[in-house]
């Protein structure tokens, strides 16, 4: 039976997604560490190239 879907909110409530908050926290930590590594690598390379 084809036809339009019922007009309901199709969003999944976040409290029903089991690992959403922990995954989001892990992504934020990883992004922060990558940013720190980029800055540290830039400083180290600048020091090596000036020597």
C-alpha atoms as a PDB file:
ATOM      1  CA  UNK A   1       0.000   0.000   0.000  1.00  0.00           C
ATOM      2  CA  UNK A   2       1.739   3.163  -1.188  1.00  0.00           C
ATOM      3  CA  UNK A   3       0.861   6.669  -0.201  1.00  0.00           C
ATOM      4  CA  UNK A   4       1.937   9.526   1.973  1.00  0.00           C
ATOM      5  CA  UNK A   5       3.183   8.867   5.464  1.00  0.00           C
ATOM      6  CA  UNK A   6       1.086   9.994   8.417  1.00  0.00           C
ATOM      7  CA  UNK A   7       1.723  13.560   9.545  1.00  0.00           C
ATOM      8  CA  UNK A   8       3.632  12.882  12.758  1.00  0.00           C
ATOM      9  CA  UNK A   9       6.883  14.108  14.197  1.00  0.00           C
ATOM     10  CA  UNK A  10       9.470  11.812  12.618  1.00  0.00           C
ATOM     11  CA  UNK A  11      12.303  12.895  14.934  1.00  0.00           C
ATOM     12  CA  UNK A  12      13.753  10.336  17.326  1.00  0.00           C
ATOM     13  CA  UNK A  13      13.767  11.602  20.926  1.00  0.00           C
ATOM     14  CA  UNK A  14      17.351  11.872  22.179  1.00  0.00           C
ATOM     15  CA  UNK A  15      16.521  10.122  25.456  1.00  0.00           C
ATOM     16  CA  UNK A  16      15.729   6.994  23.426  1.00  0.00           C
ATOM     17  CA  UNK A  17      19.137   6.985  21.696  1.00  0.00           C
ATOM     18  CA  UNK A  18      21.324   5.017  24.131  1.00  0.00           C
ATOM     19  CA  UNK A  19      24.843   6.351  23.471  1.00  0.00           C
ATOM     20  CA  UNK A  20      24.155   9.799  22.007  1.00  0.00           C
ATOM     21  CA  UNK A  21      25.536  11.912  24.845  1.00  0.00           C
ATOM     22  CA  UNK A  22      28.626   9.755  25.450  1.00  0.00           C
ATOM     23  CA  UNK A  23      29.380   9.653  21.715  1.00  0.00           C
ATOM     24  CA  UNK A  24      28.945  13.421  21.458  1.00  0.00           C
ATOM     25  CA  UNK A  25      31.306  13.907  24.415  1.00  0.00           C
ATOM     26  CA  UNK A  26      33.865  11.553  22.812  1.00  0.00           C
ATOM     27  CA  UNK A  27      33.676  13.459  19.518  1.00  0.00           C
ATOM     28  CA  UNK A  28      34.173  16.786  21.323  1.00  0.00           C
ATOM     29  CA  UNK A  29      37.203  15.448  23.224  1.00  0.00           C
ATOM     30  CA  UNK A  30      38.717  14.052  20.017  1.00  0.00           C
ATOM     31  CA  UNK A  31      38.154  17.345  18.175  1.00  0.00           C
ATOM     32  CA  UNK A  32      39.770  19.267  21.028  1.00  0.00           C
ATOM     33  CA  UNK A  33      42.798  16.964  21.062  1.00  0.00           C
ATOM     34  CA  UNK A  34      43.161  17.270  17.292  1.00  0.00           C
ATOM     35  CA  UNK A  35      43.087  21.072  17.600  1.00  0.00           C
ATOM     36  CA  UNK A  36      45.776  20.962  20.308  1.00  0.00           C
ATOM     37  CA  UNK A  37      47.908  18.661  18.133  1.00  0.00           C
ATOM     38  CA  UNK A  38      47.575  21.035  15.183  1.00  0.00           C
ATOM     39  CA  UNK A  39      48.719  23.989  17.286  1.00  0.00           C
ATOM     40  CA  UNK A  40      51.579  22.022  18.879  1.00  0.00           C
ATOM     41  CA  UNK A  41      52.697  20.682  15.494  1.00  0.00           C
ATOM     42  CA  UNK A  42      52.655  24.183  14.043  1.00  0.00           C
ATOM     43  CA  UNK A  43      54.850  25.467  16.877  1.00  0.00           C
ATOM     44  CA  UNK A  44      57.280  22.547  16.559  1.00  0.00           C
ATOM     45  CA  UNK A  45      57.551  22.899  12.787  1.00  0.00           C
ATOM     46  CA  UNK A  46      58.086  26.631  13.062  1.00  0.00           C
ATOM     47  CA  UNK A  47      60.933  25.972  15.518  1.00  0.00           C
ATOM     48  CA  UNK A  48      62.497  23.294  13.307  1.00  0.00           C
ATOM     49  CA  UNK A  49      62.336  25.422  10.164  1.00  0.00           C
ATOM     50  CA  UNK A  50      63.939  28.439  11.837  1.00  0.00           C
ATOM     51  CA  UNK A  51      66.895  26.380  13.125  1.00  0.00           C
END
